């Protein structure tokens, strides 16, 4: 258990990656069948759901932490953009 870094009733990191990969593309029942087909063992749908949702939660929380713009008004960063001039709209100011 120590060498594989697996706890009782847990899944190794490579297995978690497989589960998340299959569960991202298919419903849990079909992902379960793919694990059985490719790796030759059975796994419960609830285990797959628990692992996939835990990874989704950690990704969601990691995405919330990084913000490009502050929440306070008036403290925004300027955005620098470049154009090639092919689609620049030309407008005349209205008096």
Protein backbone atom coordinates (compact mmCIF):
# COMPACT_ATOMS: atom_id res chain seq x y z
CA UNK A 1 0.00 0.00 0.00
CA UNK A 2 2.79 2.44 0.81
CA UNK A 3 4.70 1.73 -2.40
CA UNK A 4 1.63 2.30 -4.58
CA UNK A 5 0.48 5.24 -2.42
CA UNK A 6 -3.02 3.83 -2.13
CA UNK A 7 -5.22 3.87 0.97
CA UNK A 8 -7.86 1.29 1.79
CA UNK A 9 -10.95 1.77 -0.38
CA UNK A 10 -9.06 4.44 -2.35
CA UNK A 11 -7.72 4.80 -5.88
CA UNK A 12 -4.21 5.58 -7.09
CA UNK A 13 -3.51 8.81 -8.96
CA UNK A 14 -3.21 7.05 -12.35
CA UNK A 15 -6.54 5.30 -11.75
CA UNK A 16 -8.14 8.59 -10.73
CA UNK A 17 -6.91 10.09 -13.98
CA UNK A 18 -8.48 7.23 -15.96
CA UNK A 19 -11.76 7.62 -14.07
CA UNK A 20 -11.92 11.36 -14.63
CA UNK A 21 -11.02 10.95 -18.30
CA UNK A 22 -13.73 8.36 -18.94
CA UNK A 23 -16.33 10.12 -16.76
CA UNK A 24 -15.76 13.42 -18.58
CA UNK A 25 -16.79 11.84 -21.88
CA UNK A 26 -19.49 9.36 -20.86
CA UNK A 27 -22.11 8.70 -18.16
CA UNK A 28 -20.81 6.83 -15.12
CA UNK A 29 -22.35 3.51 -16.20
CA UNK A 30 -20.58 3.65 -19.56
CA UNK A 31 -17.35 4.87 -17.94
CA UNK A 32 -17.56 1.89 -15.58
CA UNK A 33 -17.87 -0.45 -18.56
CA UNK A 34 -14.84 1.20 -20.20
CA UNK A 35 -12.73 0.68 -17.07
CA UNK A 36 -13.75 -2.99 -17.07
CA UNK A 37 -12.99 -3.31 -20.79
CA UNK A 38 -9.62 -1.56 -20.74
CA UNK A 39 -8.26 -2.51 -17.32
CA UNK A 40 -10.12 -5.72 -16.44
CA UNK A 41 -11.66 -4.91 -13.06
CA UNK A 42 -14.98 -3.78 -11.69
CA UNK A 43 -15.58 -0.49 -9.94
CA UNK A 44 -18.75 0.99 -8.53
CA UNK A 45 -20.45 3.92 -10.22
CA UNK A 46 -20.64 5.77 -6.91
CA UNK A 47 -16.85 5.51 -6.49
CA UNK A 48 -16.33 6.88 -9.97
CA UNK A 49 -18.80 9.69 -9.31
CA UNK A 50 -17.13 10.57 -6.00
CA UNK A 51 -13.68 10.77 -7.58
CA UNK A 52 -14.79 12.72 -10.66
CA UNK A 53 -16.78 15.23 -8.60
CA UNK A 54 -13.91 15.70 -6.14
CA UNK A 55 -11.59 16.57 -9.01
CA UNK A 56 -14.22 18.89 -10.52
CA UNK A 57 -14.62 20.63 -7.17
CA UNK A 58 -10.88 21.17 -6.78
CA UNK A 59 -10.66 22.53 -10.35
CA UNK A 60 -13.56 24.89 -9.68
CA UNK A 61 -12.00 26.18 -6.46
CA UNK A 62 -8.62 26.64 -8.13
CA UNK A 63 -10.26 28.65 -10.90
CA UNK A 64 -11.95 30.96 -8.41
CA UNK A 65 -8.69 31.90 -6.72
CA UNK A 66 -7.07 33.56 -9.71
CA UNK A 67 -8.76 36.77 -10.77
CA UNK A 68 -7.45 39.07 -13.44
CA UNK A 69 -9.52 42.06 -12.40
CA UNK A 70 -10.07 43.35 -8.86
CA UNK A 71 -13.63 43.48 -7.56
CA UNK A 72 -13.43 47.15 -6.55
CA UNK A 73 -14.63 49.64 -9.16
CA UNK A 74 -12.03 51.91 -10.68
CA UNK A 75 -9.07 49.62 -10.09
CA UNK A 76 -9.08 47.81 -13.40
CA UNK A 77 -6.02 46.89 -15.41
CA UNK A 78 -5.87 48.29 -18.94
CA UNK A 79 -6.17 45.80 -21.77
CA UNK A 80 -3.64 46.28 -24.57
CA UNK A 81 -4.80 44.92 -27.91
CA UNK A 82 -3.43 45.15 -31.43
CA UNK A 83 -5.18 45.12 -34.77
CA UNK A 84 -3.91 44.65 -38.28
CA UNK A 85 -6.17 47.38 -39.67
CA UNK A 86 -8.23 45.12 -41.91
CA UNK A 87 -11.48 45.42 -39.96
CA UNK A 88 -11.10 48.76 -38.19
CA UNK A 89 -14.46 50.58 -38.14
CA UNK A 90 -14.21 54.24 -39.12
CA UNK A 91 -16.68 56.52 -37.39
CA UNK A 92 -17.32 60.23 -37.49
CA UNK A 93 -18.02 61.99 -34.18
CA UNK A 94 -21.54 63.37 -33.90
CA UNK A 95 -21.61 67.11 -33.08
